[in-house]
Amino acid sequence: TLESDAERFFNRTLLTGGLEDSLKRLRDTLQGEDNNRLHEMYGPYGTGKSHQMVALYHCFQSSDVVGNWADGRIDGLGDALPDDALPIVVSLQKEQYDYLWEPLFEKLDYDADEEDYDDEGGYPPIDVINEAVGDRTVAFFADELEDWFGALKGQRKDANRGFLQALFETSMSQPHTELYTFVSVLREGSVVHDILSRENERVQVNMSNQVDIKDVLR
């Protein structure tokens, strides 16, 4: 309930270095100064990845609240945030999907032609993702993706790997598709982190040692 109430959430949120960096990079992208629409947060359990993901989620869900909170903290963020955006959150701990594009297309109300994806690891390519997003501003959030991905086998793993590569590339290289992707991972060197590493210009935030716990308590 705390996370769903944007005003309560930000009243209890400390502006750490990692969050400040992410918000400034998001502002710059929204203002057209760069094209870095792929954000990666990495670090072990308890480093605040999920909290930061919620903060970024509300940038698309509750832009007025975030803008008021950011006033005096992040110059220009409130004016840059979109008024009409569709944030999509995938909780892989609550529901296990066969393919990651299923929750994305479901929320986009897009009917993908499943016949194009055979049993040999086929997946929706970039042009299909572009078509599904259309002219909307879409923010896709996947928290702790690597635990789910690590359990995949065979063609499911191949298909999801291919889709992740297409998804990340769409977020980084398609200037006319307003798709923002936010992913958290536990560790460097995992398969998901290696896929992310293909996009060298992505926004990376190391969540470890972002703030002293005494500062949070105070």
Protein backbone atom coordinates (compact mmCIF):
# COMPACT_ATOMS: atom_id res chain seq x y z
CA THR A 1 0.00 0.00 0.00
CA LEU A 2 2.90 2.38 0.61
CA GLU A 3 4.30 1.85 -2.88
CA SER A 4 0.94 2.44 -4.56
CA ASP A 5 0.42 5.84 -2.89
CA ALA A 6 2.88 8.11 -4.69
CA GLU A 7 2.65 11.00 -2.24
CA ARG A 8 3.23 8.83 0.83
CA PHE A 9 5.99 6.97 -0.98
CA PHE A 10 7.99 10.09 -1.85
CA ASN A 11 7.44 11.59 1.59
CA ARG A 12 9.38 8.57 2.85
CA THR A 13 12.01 8.46 0.14
CA LEU A 14 15.60 9.63 0.62
CA LEU A 15 17.23 11.06 -2.50
CA THR A 16 20.26 8.79 -2.72
CA GLY A 17 23.04 9.28 -5.22
CA GLY A 18 21.74 6.40 -7.33
CA LEU A 19 18.19 7.72 -7.45
CA GLU A 20 19.37 11.25 -8.23
CA ASP A 21 21.50 9.93 -11.09
CA SER A 22 18.64 7.86 -12.52
CA LEU A 23 16.16 10.75 -12.33
CA LYS A 24 18.58 13.16 -13.97
CA ARG A 25 19.32 10.70 -16.77
CA LEU A 26 15.58 10.12 -17.25
CA ARG A 27 15.02 13.89 -17.40
CA ASP A 28 17.77 14.30 -19.99
CA THR A 29 16.28 11.58 -22.17
CA LEU A 30 12.76 12.99 -21.92
CA GLN A 31 14.14 16.40 -22.90
CA GLY A 32 15.81 14.87 -25.96
CA GLU A 33 19.40 15.34 -24.81
CA ASP A 34 20.18 11.64 -25.23
CA ASN A 35 18.47 8.39 -26.22
CA ASN A 36 19.25 6.25 -23.16
CA ARG A 37 15.86 4.67 -22.51
CA LEU A 38 17.30 1.47 -21.02
CA HIS A 39 18.04 1.58 -17.28
CA GLU A 40 19.80 -1.17 -15.32
CA MET A 41 20.04 -1.27 -11.54
CA TYR A 42 22.30 -3.95 -10.09
CA GLY A 43 23.34 -4.97 -6.61
CA PRO A 44 22.64 -7.67 -4.00
CA TYR A 45 19.48 -8.05 -1.95
CA GLY A 46 18.64 -5.13 0.30
CA THR A 47 20.39 -2.40 -1.69
CA GLY A 48 17.19 -0.57 -2.68
CA LYS A 49 16.68 -1.75 -6.26
CA SER A 50 12.95 -2.34 -5.88
CA HIS A 51 12.47 1.00 -4.08
CA GLN A 52 14.21 2.81 -6.92
CA MET A 53 12.10 0.93 -9.46
CA VAL A 54 8.94 2.16 -7.70
CA ALA A 55 10.25 5.73 -7.76
CA LEU A 56 10.85 5.49 -11.50
CA TYR A 57 7.46 3.83 -12.00
CA HIS A 58 5.72 6.83 -10.45
CA CYS A 59 7.53 9.12 -12.88
CA PHE A 60 5.21 7.65 -15.49
CA GLN A 61 2.19 6.88 -13.28
CA SER A 62 2.04 9.97 -11.02
CA SER A 63 4.04 12.65 -12.78
CA ASP A 64 2.38 15.53 -10.89
CA VAL A 65 3.34 14.07 -7.49
CA VAL A 66 6.90 13.36 -8.61
CA GLY A 67 7.20 16.83 -10.09
CA ASN A 68 6.19 18.45 -6.79
CA TRP A 69 8.63 16.27 -4.85
CA ALA A 70 11.45 16.94 -7.32
CA ASP A 71 11.02 20.71 -7.10
CA GLY A 72 14.24 21.98 -5.53
CA ARG A 73 15.86 18.56 -5.84
CA ILE A 74 16.05 17.71 -9.56
CA ASP A 75 15.93 20.78 -11.78
CA GLY A 76 13.58 20.42 -14.72
CA LEU A 77 12.32 16.92 -13.92
CA GLY A 78 8.71 17.93 -13.29
CA ASP A 79 8.43 19.74 -16.63
CA ALA A 80 9.99 16.82 -18.52
CA LEU A 81 7.75 14.03 -17.17
CA PRO A 82 5.00 12.78 -19.51
CA ASP A 83 1.40 13.56 -18.59
CA ASP A 84 0.00 10.50 -20.38
CA ALA A 85 2.11 7.35 -20.15
CA LEU A 86 1.51 3.65 -19.68
CA PRO A 87 3.75 2.00 -17.05
CA ILE A 88 3.79 -1.81 -17.14
CA VAL A 89 5.13 -3.78 -14.18
CA VAL A 90 6.03 -7.45 -14.43
CA SER A 91 6.25 -9.25 -11.10
CA LEU A 92 7.85 -12.56 -11.96
CA GLN A 93 7.74 -13.59 -8.30
CA LYS A 94 3.92 -13.47 -8.38
CA GLU A 95 3.21 -14.94 -11.81
CA GLN A 96 5.39 -17.16 -13.95
CA TYR A 97 4.99 -16.40 -17.65
CA ASP A 98 6.25 -18.69 -20.36
CA TYR A 99 7.43 -15.74 -22.41
CA LEU A 100 8.22 -12.21 -21.30
CA TRP A 101 6.37 -10.62 -24.21
CA GLU A 102 3.06 -12.05 -22.93
CA PRO A 103 2.52 -9.50 -20.09
CA LEU A 104 3.87 -6.67 -22.26
CA PHE A 105 1.50 -7.34 -25.17
CA GLU A 106 -1.39 -8.03 -22.81
CA LYS A 107 -1.07 -4.58 -21.19
CA LEU A 108 -0.60 -2.99 -24.61
CA ASP A 109 -3.77 -4.76 -25.82
CA TYR A 110 -1.78 -6.04 -28.77
CA ASP A 111 -2.70 -9.31 -30.45
CA ALA A 112 0.57 -10.82 -31.58
CA ASP A 113 0.52 -13.45 -34.29
CA GLU A 114 1.71 -16.43 -32.25
CA GLU A 115 2.11 -18.49 -35.42
CA ASP A 116 5.23 -16.48 -36.16
CA TYR A 117 6.91 -17.90 -33.07
CA ASP A 118 7.63 -21.55 -33.61
CA ASP A 119 9.05 -24.19 -31.29
CA GLU A 120 12.62 -23.37 -32.27
CA GLY A 121 12.99 -20.28 -30.14
CA GLY A 122 11.13 -17.72 -32.26
CA TYR A 123 10.23 -14.39 -30.65
CA PRO A 124 8.67 -11.00 -31.53
CA PRO A 125 11.29 -8.90 -33.36
CA ILE A 126 11.89 -5.16 -33.13
CA ASP A 127 9.30 -4.20 -35.76
CA VAL A 128 6.58 -6.08 -33.86
CA ILE A 129 7.55 -4.34 -30.60
CA ASN A 130 7.46 -0.99 -32.42
CA GLU A 131 3.99 -1.77 -33.74
CA ALA A 132 2.73 -2.88 -30.31
CA VAL A 133 3.95 0.32 -28.61
CA GLY A 134 2.72 2.57 -31.41
CA ASP A 135 2.71 6.27 -30.60
CA ARG A 136 2.34 5.78 -26.85
CA THR A 137 4.89 6.45 -24.12
CA VAL A 138 5.42 3.08 -22.46
CA ALA A 139 7.58 2.20 -19.46
CA PHE A 140 8.29 -1.51 -18.90
CA PHE A 141 9.58 -2.62 -15.48
CA ALA A 142 11.03 -6.06 -14.67
CA ASP A 143 12.44 -6.51 -11.15
CA GLU A 144 14.98 -9.28 -10.41
CA LEU A 145 14.60 -10.68 -13.89
CA GLU A 146 17.56 -13.03 -13.69
CA ASP A 147 16.04 -15.46 -11.15
CA TRP A 148 13.15 -16.14 -13.53
CA PHE A 149 15.41 -16.29 -16.57
CA GLY A 150 17.85 -18.65 -14.87
CA ALA A 151 15.15 -21.30 -14.48
CA LEU A 152 14.32 -21.38 -18.20
CA LYS A 153 15.45 -24.21 -20.44
CA GLY A 154 15.49 -25.16 -24.10
CA GLN A 155 13.51 -23.17 -26.63
CA ARG A 156 11.81 -21.08 -23.93
CA LYS A 157 15.21 -19.81 -22.87
CA ASP A 158 16.27 -19.13 -26.46
CA ALA A 159 13.02 -17.31 -27.25
CA ASN A 160 13.15 -15.15 -24.13
CA ARG A 161 16.83 -14.34 -24.69
CA GLY A 162 16.06 -13.21 -28.23
CA PHE A 163 13.10 -11.14 -27.07
CA LEU A 164 15.16 -9.43 -24.35
CA GLN A 165 17.76 -8.47 -26.93
CA ALA A 166 15.05 -7.08 -29.22
CA LEU A 167 13.37 -5.26 -26.32
CA PHE A 168 16.59 -3.65 -25.14
CA GLU A 169 17.59 -2.67 -28.65
CA THR A 170 14.17 -1.12 -29.26
CA SER A 171 14.57 0.98 -26.12
CA MET A 172 18.00 2.19 -27.21
CA SER A 173 17.99 2.43 -31.00
CA GLN A 174 14.45 3.30 -32.12
CA PRO A 175 14.16 7.10 -31.82
CA HIS A 176 10.48 7.22 -32.80
CA THR A 177 9.35 4.54 -30.33
CA GLU A 178 8.86 5.89 -26.81
CA LEU A 179 9.66 2.65 -24.97
CA TYR A 180 11.52 2.91 -21.67
CA THR A 181 12.79 -0.31 -20.10
CA PHE A 182 13.88 -0.63 -16.46
CA VAL A 183 15.53 -3.83 -15.25
CA SER A 184 17.10 -4.80 -11.93
CA VAL A 185 19.61 -7.61 -11.55
CA LEU A 186 21.41 -9.01 -8.54
CA ARG A 187 24.88 -9.41 -9.92
CA GLU A 188 27.21 -8.66 -12.77
CA GLY A 189 28.15 -11.64 -14.91
CA SER A 190 24.67 -13.23 -15.01
CA VAL A 191 23.11 -14.10 -18.37
CA VAL A 192 20.66 -11.20 -18.14
CA HIS A 193 23.48 -8.79 -17.25
CA ASP A 194 25.45 -10.06 -20.25
CA ILE A 195 22.46 -9.40 -22.52
CA LEU A 196 22.17 -5.91 -21.07
CA SER A 197 25.88 -5.38 -21.68
CA ARG A 198 25.28 -5.50 -25.44
CA GLU A 199 23.79 -2.00 -25.07
CA ASN A 200 26.88 -0.06 -24.05
CA GLU A 201 25.12 3.29 -23.68
CA ARG A 202 22.47 2.09 -21.20
CA VAL A 203 22.04 3.86 -17.87
CA GLN A 204 23.79 1.72 -15.22
CA VAL A 205 23.39 2.26 -11.49
CA ASN A 206 25.38 0.23 -8.98
CA MET A 207 23.04 0.13 -5.97
CA SER A 208 25.66 -1.13 -3.54
CA ASN A 209 26.80 1.35 -0.89
CA GLN A 210 24.55 4.11 -2.19
CA VAL A 211 23.86 5.54 1.27
CA ASP A 212 24.75 4.85 4.89
CA ILE A 213 21.91 3.13 6.77
CA LYS A 214 22.18 5.79 9.50
CA ASP A 215 21.24 8.43 6.94
CA VAL A 216 18.15 6.46 5.99
CA LEU A 217 17.09 6.08 9.63
CA ARG A 218 17.69 9.74 10.36
